[in-house]
Amino acid sequence: MSHGSESKVVIEGVNQSKAYVGVHAASGIISFLVARGILLVPIQNEKTRRQFNTPNISSEPLTFGLGQEVLIQFSNFFLRVGINSALNAMKLDLPPIVPSVLSDIAVYPLVAKRVRAIIAGSGLITQVEKPSWTKWLTSVATYVLYGIVEEALYNVIFEKVSDSDLLPIDTTSSVYNERLVQGLCLGLSKVALSPLEIIYKNQMVFNGVPAINRNNFLSLYTRGSYFGILEGISLTYVKYAVFNILNENLTKH
């Protein structure tokens, strides 16, 4: 999950909405599917299995859950665009975090279903009782908190890294360089927040979290954390690279 620039997207009228149709939209959709289908979804599947210490199911395709992921991401995007547009029409100047929070709450059931589906084949999930309203609200709040903190942490890391003289590449000389640095910064924020991610996933599956103690914290709450770097690069660099290549080739004809 990543709250990207869509948090600030606004459709003001019919003419602007038409810009989403055609070559740019086609390139965007294809790059979205490639970045998620080839990289992100398999990474997410393996990461979640490791977080729950469940075996890989050989009969499942690498793109298992791609349809669910596409539904989640497109729902999230259009919800945020719709909320932003409504707020803009009402001339309400609210922080970008508002549409992000509202859309995360709306898609929470889809995300929870996806997390449960990834590990269901391992037999880890048996009969899980329906959560109380308190536990359900706690789970939703943890998931929303993760999104807020991830976006804030990513922005801080990217700002600090961009202003640093130690950066080996110039982000202003190439959009590819900028996207690569953005991907690495997003990946670092995901690695740092791995414990919180594991907590909200356990709440989604078991309505609670494993007991925390000194002996199991590092082994339990950092499982699969390094996959965050690959997630960040897939969400930014790979997606942009595919989009740019497609866009350049399609506009030539």
Protein backbone atom coordinates (compact mmCIF):
# COMPACT_ATOMS: atom_id res chain seq x y z
CA MET A 1 0.00 0.00 0.00
CA SER A 2 1.24 3.44 -0.85
CA HIS A 3 -0.44 6.79 -0.82
CA GLY A 4 0.95 8.36 -3.95
CA SER A 5 0.24 11.50 -5.94
CA GLU A 6 -3.37 10.40 -6.41
CA SER A 7 -4.02 11.90 -2.98
CA LYS A 8 -3.85 15.29 -4.69
CA VAL A 9 -5.57 14.48 -8.01
CA VAL A 10 -8.72 16.47 -8.75
CA ILE A 11 -11.09 16.22 -11.71
CA GLU A 12 -12.60 19.66 -12.22
CA GLY A 13 -14.69 19.01 -15.31
CA VAL A 14 -15.46 16.85 -18.31
CA ASN A 15 -12.52 18.14 -20.34
CA GLN A 16 -9.99 17.19 -17.71
CA SER A 17 -11.52 13.75 -17.19
CA LYS A 18 -11.09 13.06 -20.93
CA ALA A 19 -7.33 13.25 -20.40
CA TYR A 20 -7.57 9.91 -18.60
CA VAL A 21 -8.84 8.29 -21.80
CA GLY A 22 -6.61 7.28 -24.70
CA VAL A 23 -2.92 6.64 -24.99
CA HIS A 24 -1.89 7.91 -21.57
CA ALA A 25 -4.61 5.91 -19.84
CA ALA A 26 -3.77 2.77 -21.81
CA SER A 27 -0.08 3.14 -21.00
CA GLY A 28 -0.90 3.76 -17.35
CA ILE A 29 -3.13 0.70 -17.04
CA ILE A 30 -0.66 -1.60 -18.79
CA SER A 31 2.26 -0.34 -16.69
CA PHE A 32 0.11 -0.78 -13.59
CA LEU A 33 -0.64 -4.41 -14.49
CA VAL A 34 2.95 -5.21 -15.44
CA ALA A 35 4.47 -3.67 -12.31
CA ARG A 36 1.98 -5.46 -10.08
CA GLY A 37 1.50 -8.69 -12.00
CA ILE A 38 5.16 -9.47 -12.62
CA LEU A 39 6.71 -8.01 -9.48
CA LEU A 40 4.49 -6.57 -6.77
CA VAL A 41 1.86 -9.29 -6.36
CA PRO A 42 4.37 -12.20 -6.21
CA ILE A 43 6.47 -10.14 -3.77
CA GLN A 44 3.43 -9.40 -1.60
CA ASN A 45 2.38 -13.05 -1.62
CA GLU A 46 5.81 -14.29 -0.53
CA LYS A 47 6.21 -11.49 2.01
CA THR A 48 2.89 -12.27 3.69
CA ARG A 49 3.64 -16.00 3.78
CA ARG A 50 6.95 -15.31 5.49
CA GLN A 51 5.31 -12.92 7.93
CA PHE A 52 2.97 -15.74 8.96
CA ASN A 53 5.68 -18.41 8.57
CA THR A 54 3.53 -20.42 6.14
CA PRO A 55 4.81 -22.54 3.23
CA ASN A 56 4.53 -21.54 -0.40
CA ILE A 57 1.69 -23.37 -2.17
CA SER A 58 3.23 -24.74 -5.37
CA SER A 59 -0.12 -25.06 -7.12
CA GLU A 60 -0.76 -21.32 -6.83
CA PRO A 61 0.36 -19.18 -9.77
CA LEU A 62 2.88 -16.39 -9.14
CA THR A 63 0.18 -13.84 -9.93
CA PHE A 64 -2.23 -15.32 -7.36
CA GLY A 65 -4.51 -12.52 -6.16
CA LEU A 66 -3.74 -10.11 -9.01
CA GLY A 67 -7.45 -9.54 -9.64
CA GLN A 68 -8.00 -8.65 -5.98
CA GLU A 69 -5.00 -6.34 -5.98
CA VAL A 70 -6.19 -4.55 -9.12
CA LEU A 71 -9.65 -4.09 -7.59
CA ILE A 72 -8.12 -2.70 -4.39
CA GLN A 73 -5.81 -0.26 -6.12
CA PHE A 74 -8.31 1.03 -8.68
CA SER A 75 -10.98 1.40 -6.00
CA ASN A 76 -8.52 3.29 -3.83
CA PHE A 77 -7.48 5.56 -6.68
CA PHE A 78 -10.96 6.49 -7.87
CA LEU A 79 -12.22 6.92 -4.32
CA ARG A 80 -9.47 9.44 -3.63
CA VAL A 81 -10.01 11.23 -6.93
CA GLY A 82 -13.76 11.35 -6.26
CA ILE A 83 -13.33 12.61 -2.71
CA ASN A 84 -10.79 15.23 -3.83
CA SER A 85 -13.11 16.38 -6.60
CA ALA A 86 -16.07 16.64 -4.20
CA LEU A 87 -14.01 18.61 -1.68
CA ASN A 88 -12.77 20.87 -4.47
CA ALA A 89 -16.32 21.47 -5.73
CA MET A 90 -17.40 22.39 -2.18
CA LYS A 91 -14.33 24.64 -1.90
CA LEU A 92 -13.18 22.79 1.20
CA ASP A 93 -9.44 23.05 1.71
CA LEU A 94 -8.71 19.94 3.75
CA PRO A 95 -5.34 18.16 4.17
CA PRO A 96 -4.50 15.49 1.54
CA ILE A 97 -4.58 12.93 4.33
CA VAL A 98 -8.39 13.15 4.53
CA PRO A 99 -9.17 11.38 1.21
CA SER A 100 -6.40 8.88 1.94
CA VAL A 101 -7.93 7.93 5.29
CA LEU A 102 -11.48 7.74 3.93
CA SER A 103 -10.46 5.59 0.96
CA ASP A 104 -8.39 3.27 3.18
CA ILE A 105 -11.39 2.73 5.45
CA ALA A 106 -13.58 1.97 2.41
CA VAL A 107 -11.21 -0.63 0.92
CA TYR A 108 -10.25 -2.24 4.25
CA PRO A 109 -12.59 -5.26 3.72
CA LEU A 110 -10.98 -5.95 0.32
CA VAL A 111 -7.46 -5.74 1.77
CA ALA A 112 -8.36 -8.03 4.68
CA LYS A 113 -9.86 -10.56 2.26
CA ARG A 114 -6.68 -10.49 0.15
CA VAL A 115 -4.41 -11.04 3.17
CA ARG A 116 -6.54 -13.97 4.34
CA ALA A 117 -6.58 -15.47 0.83
CA ILE A 118 -2.77 -15.50 0.61
CA ILE A 119 -2.35 -17.78 3.62
CA ALA A 120 -5.63 -19.69 3.44
CA GLY A 121 -4.15 -22.49 1.33
CA SER A 122 -1.58 -23.34 4.00
CA GLY A 123 -4.24 -24.49 6.44
CA LEU A 124 -3.15 -21.87 8.98
CA ILE A 125 -6.61 -20.32 8.99
CA THR A 126 -9.20 -22.60 10.52
CA GLN A 127 -12.32 -21.36 12.25
CA VAL A 128 -11.81 -17.72 13.21
CA GLU A 129 -14.64 -16.21 15.17
CA LYS A 130 -16.27 -13.05 13.93
CA PRO A 131 -14.52 -10.08 15.56
CA SER A 132 -16.28 -7.81 18.01
CA TRP A 133 -16.87 -4.22 16.96
CA THR A 134 -14.00 -3.15 19.24
CA LYS A 135 -11.53 -5.55 17.62
CA TRP A 136 -12.76 -4.68 14.13
CA LEU A 137 -12.38 -0.94 14.73
CA THR A 138 -8.93 -1.51 16.23
CA SER A 139 -7.90 -3.44 13.13
CA VAL A 140 -9.20 -0.74 10.79
CA ALA A 141 -7.47 1.96 12.85
CA THR A 142 -4.14 0.09 12.73
CA TYR A 143 -4.41 -0.33 8.96
CA VAL A 144 -5.24 3.36 8.45
CA LEU A 145 -2.43 4.37 10.83
CA TYR A 146 0.03 2.33 8.78
CA GLY A 147 -0.95 4.23 5.63
CA ILE A 148 -0.62 7.62 7.34
CA VAL A 149 2.76 6.88 8.90
CA GLU A 150 4.11 5.26 5.73
CA GLU A 151 3.29 8.29 3.62
CA ALA A 152 4.69 10.72 6.20
CA LEU A 153 7.87 8.69 6.69
CA TYR A 154 8.40 8.32 2.95
CA ASN A 155 8.08 12.10 2.45
CA VAL A 156 10.59 12.79 5.23
CA ILE A 157 13.12 10.24 3.94
CA PHE A 158 12.83 11.43 0.33
CA GLU A 159 13.19 15.08 1.34
CA LYS A 160 16.27 14.36 3.46
CA VAL A 161 17.87 12.15 0.81
CA SER A 162 17.16 14.63 -2.01
CA ASP A 163 18.78 17.48 -0.05
CA SER A 164 21.82 15.39 0.83
CA ASP A 165 25.14 15.83 -0.96
CA LEU A 166 25.93 12.17 -0.34
CA LEU A 167 23.43 10.94 -2.96
CA PRO A 168 25.45 9.18 -5.70
CA ILE A 169 22.97 10.10 -8.47
CA ASP A 170 21.46 13.41 -9.53
CA THR A 171 17.67 13.23 -9.24
CA THR A 172 17.24 16.45 -11.21
CA SER A 173 19.03 15.16 -14.32
CA SER A 174 16.66 12.30 -15.07
CA VAL A 175 13.14 11.27 -14.13
CA TYR A 176 14.39 7.68 -14.01
CA ASN A 177 16.93 8.68 -11.35
CA GLU A 178 14.21 10.45 -9.39
CA ARG A 179 11.87 7.45 -9.58
CA LEU A 180 14.65 5.10 -8.48
CA VAL A 181 15.40 7.22 -5.42
CA GLN A 182 11.67 7.51 -4.69
CA GLY A 183 11.37 3.74 -4.89
CA LEU A 184 14.28 3.20 -2.52
CA CYS A 185 12.90 5.76 -0.06
CA LEU A 186 9.45 4.16 -0.17
CA GLY A 187 11.11 0.78 0.32
CA LEU A 188 13.00 2.03 3.37
CA SER A 189 9.78 3.33 4.91
CA LYS A 190 8.15 -0.07 4.33
CA VAL A 191 11.10 -1.86 5.95
CA ALA A 192 10.94 0.45 8.97
CA LEU A 193 7.20 -0.10 9.36
CA SER A 194 7.32 -3.88 8.93
CA PRO A 195 6.34 -4.51 12.60
CA LEU A 196 3.20 -2.37 12.21
CA GLU A 197 2.37 -4.13 8.94
CA ILE A 198 2.58 -7.54 10.61
CA ILE A 199 0.36 -6.30 13.44
CA TYR A 200 -2.45 -5.11 11.14
CA LYS A 201 -2.26 -8.31 9.07
CA ASN A 202 -2.54 -10.46 12.20
CA GLN A 203 -5.53 -8.38 13.27
CA MET A 204 -7.13 -8.98 9.89
CA VAL A 205 -6.61 -12.74 10.10
CA PHE A 206 -6.80 -13.62 13.81
CA ASN A 207 -8.51 -10.55 15.34
CA GLY A 208 -5.41 -10.03 17.46
CA VAL A 209 -1.60 -10.07 17.48
CA PRO A 210 1.03 -12.53 18.73
CA ALA A 211 2.48 -11.85 22.16
CA ILE A 212 5.49 -9.55 22.13
CA ASN A 213 8.61 -10.42 24.10
CA ARG A 214 12.31 -9.71 23.74
CA ASN A 215 13.11 -13.13 22.36
CA ASN A 216 10.65 -13.20 19.48
CA PHE A 217 10.34 -9.53 18.53
CA LEU A 218 13.10 -9.44 15.91
CA SER A 219 12.29 -12.85 14.46
CA LEU A 220 8.53 -12.32 14.41
CA TYR A 221 8.05 -8.65 13.64
CA THR A 222 10.74 -8.26 10.99
CA ARG A 223 9.94 -11.32 8.88
CA GLY A 224 10.04 -10.47 5.21
CA SER A 225 10.85 -6.82 5.92
CA TYR A 226 13.54 -6.70 3.21
CA PHE A 227 10.83 -7.32 0.59
CA GLY A 228 9.80 -3.70 1.24
CA ILE A 229 12.68 -2.46 -0.92
CA LEU A 230 11.45 -4.52 -3.88
CA GLU A 231 7.89 -3.29 -3.28
CA GLY A 232 9.02 0.34 -3.35
CA ILE A 233 10.99 -0.08 -6.58
CA SER A 234 8.09 -1.92 -8.23
CA LEU A 235 5.57 0.75 -7.21
CA THR A 236 7.64 3.65 -8.56
CA TYR A 237 10.62 2.89 -10.80
CA VAL A 238 9.35 -0.17 -12.70
CA LYS A 239 5.85 1.25 -13.12
CA TYR A 240 7.22 4.54 -14.49
CA ALA A 241 9.73 2.81 -16.79
CA VAL A 242 7.04 0.64 -18.40
CA PHE A 243 4.66 3.61 -18.67
CA ASN A 244 7.29 5.82 -20.30
CA ILE A 245 8.38 3.17 -22.81
CA LEU A 246 4.77 2.41 -23.81
CA ASN A 247 3.81 6.06 -23.98
CA GLU A 248 6.75 6.97 -26.21
CA ASN A 249 6.11 4.07 -28.60
CA LEU A 250 2.33 4.50 -28.81
CA THR A 251 2.49 8.25 -29.46
CA LYS A 252 4.81 7.73 -32.43
CA HIS A 253 2.00 6.09 -34.42
